[in-house]
Protein backbone atom coordinates (compact mmCIF):
# COMPACT_ATOMS: atom_id res chain seq x y z
CA MET A 1 -0.59 9.64 0.54
CA ILE A 2 0.42 6.41 -1.15
CA ALA A 3 2.23 8.44 -3.82
CA ILE A 4 4.68 9.72 -1.20
CA GLY A 5 5.21 6.19 0.11
CA ILE A 6 5.97 4.95 -3.39
CA ARG A 7 8.54 7.67 -4.00
CA LEU A 8 10.17 7.09 -0.62
CA ALA A 9 10.34 3.30 -1.10
CA VAL A 10 12.06 3.82 -4.46
CA VAL A 11 14.72 6.30 -3.30
CA GLU A 12 15.45 5.21 0.29
CA PRO A 13 17.37 1.92 0.46
CA ARG A 14 17.14 1.79 4.29
CA ILE A 15 13.40 1.01 4.12
CA PRO A 16 13.10 -2.80 4.31
CA ALA A 17 9.28 -3.04 4.12
CA ALA A 18 6.25 -0.76 3.83
CA LEU A 19 2.60 -0.67 4.77
CA LEU A 20 0.72 1.62 2.39
CA PHE A 21 -2.84 2.94 2.55
CA ALA A 22 -4.51 3.13 -0.86
CA GLY A 23 -6.78 5.95 0.19
CA SER A 24 -5.87 8.78 -2.12
CA PHE A 25 -5.67 9.59 -5.79
CA VAL A 26 -2.56 8.27 -7.51
CA PRO A 27 -1.64 9.75 -10.86
CA ARG A 28 -0.85 7.22 -13.60
CA THR A 29 2.72 8.54 -13.60
CA MET A 30 3.22 6.80 -10.21
CA PHE A 31 2.81 3.38 -11.82
CA GLU A 32 6.38 3.48 -13.14
CA GLY A 33 7.61 4.16 -9.62
CA ALA A 34 5.43 1.33 -8.28
CA ARG A 35 7.09 -1.11 -10.66
CA ARG A 36 10.45 -0.17 -9.09
CA VAL A 37 9.26 -0.91 -5.54
CA THR A 38 10.63 -4.34 -4.65
CA ILE A 39 10.47 -4.40 -0.83
CA PRO A 40 7.79 -6.45 0.95
CA LEU A 41 4.48 -4.57 0.96
CA GLN A 42 1.18 -4.68 2.73
CA VAL A 43 -1.42 -2.46 1.08
CA LEU A 44 -4.63 -1.49 2.84
CA LEU A 45 -7.68 -0.67 0.70
CA GLN A 46 -11.04 0.46 2.04
CA TRP A 47 -13.43 -0.97 -0.54
CA ASP A 48 -15.99 1.83 -0.32
CA ASP A 49 -13.58 4.77 0.05
CA GLU A 50 -15.41 7.67 -1.56
CA GLY A 51 -12.14 9.46 -2.39
CA ASN A 52 -10.45 6.46 -3.97
CA ASP A 53 -10.94 4.85 -7.35
CA ARG A 54 -11.11 1.14 -6.45
CA GLN A 55 -9.98 -0.11 -9.85
CA LEU A 56 -7.08 2.33 -9.92
CA ALA A 57 -6.00 1.07 -6.48
CA LEU A 58 -6.16 -2.55 -7.68
CA ASP A 59 -4.20 -1.68 -10.82
CA LEU A 60 -1.58 0.05 -8.68
CA PHE A 61 -1.30 -3.00 -6.43
CA ASP A 62 -0.73 -5.16 -9.51
CA ALA A 63 1.99 -2.75 -10.69
CA PHE A 64 4.17 -3.06 -7.59
CA GLY A 65 7.35 -5.00 -8.39
CA SER A 66 7.55 -6.68 -4.99
CA GLU A 67 7.74 -10.45 -4.84
CA GLU A 68 5.97 -10.31 -1.49
CA LYS A 69 2.92 -8.10 -1.53
CA THR A 70 -0.36 -8.47 0.30
CA LEU A 71 -3.62 -6.58 -0.25
CA HIS A 72 -6.00 -6.12 2.67
CA ALA A 73 -9.38 -4.96 1.36
CA ASN A 74 -12.12 -4.12 3.86
CA MET A 75 -15.67 -2.92 3.47
CA GLY A 76 -16.26 0.67 4.49
CA GLY A 77 -15.16 4.18 3.71
CA HIS A 78 -11.93 6.06 4.24
CA THR A 79 -12.33 6.33 8.01
CA GLY A 80 -13.78 2.83 8.48
CA VAL A 81 -10.50 0.90 8.80
CA PRO A 82 -11.14 -2.06 11.14
CA ARG A 83 -9.17 -2.10 14.40
CA PHE A 84 -7.65 -5.49 13.60
CA GLU A 85 -5.70 -3.94 10.71
CA GLY A 86 -3.43 -2.32 13.30
CA ASP A 87 -2.57 -5.76 14.69
CA ASP A 88 -2.01 -7.12 11.17
CA GLY A 89 0.30 -4.20 10.41
CA ASN A 90 2.28 -4.87 13.59
CA ARG A 91 2.71 -8.53 12.61
CA PHE A 92 3.81 -7.52 9.12
CA PHE A 93 6.51 -5.22 10.51
CA ALA A 94 7.57 -7.76 13.15
CA ARG A 95 8.35 -10.20 10.31
CA HIS A 96 10.31 -7.70 8.26
CA LEU A 97 12.01 -5.36 10.72
CA LYS A 98 14.22 -7.83 12.56
């Protein structure tokens, strides 16, 4: 759940970067936590995820306080994440986990 990732990124200073999957419901109360997340982020959003409110996910992305944040939006449902996203995630972490 992205809500757990948000909480962890806020309280754990040893996390230098995060890749989050916007594929679950996020209560509005998590937006305050998102504003306090300042590490580099890559957020994955499946555009047609039946369990995810697309606009809420976009609003949450906007709320993150990170100077470096990237949104990867792909067509398809929750289980339709393209294989290349794994490679993109690896490159993201290779840049930030040196």
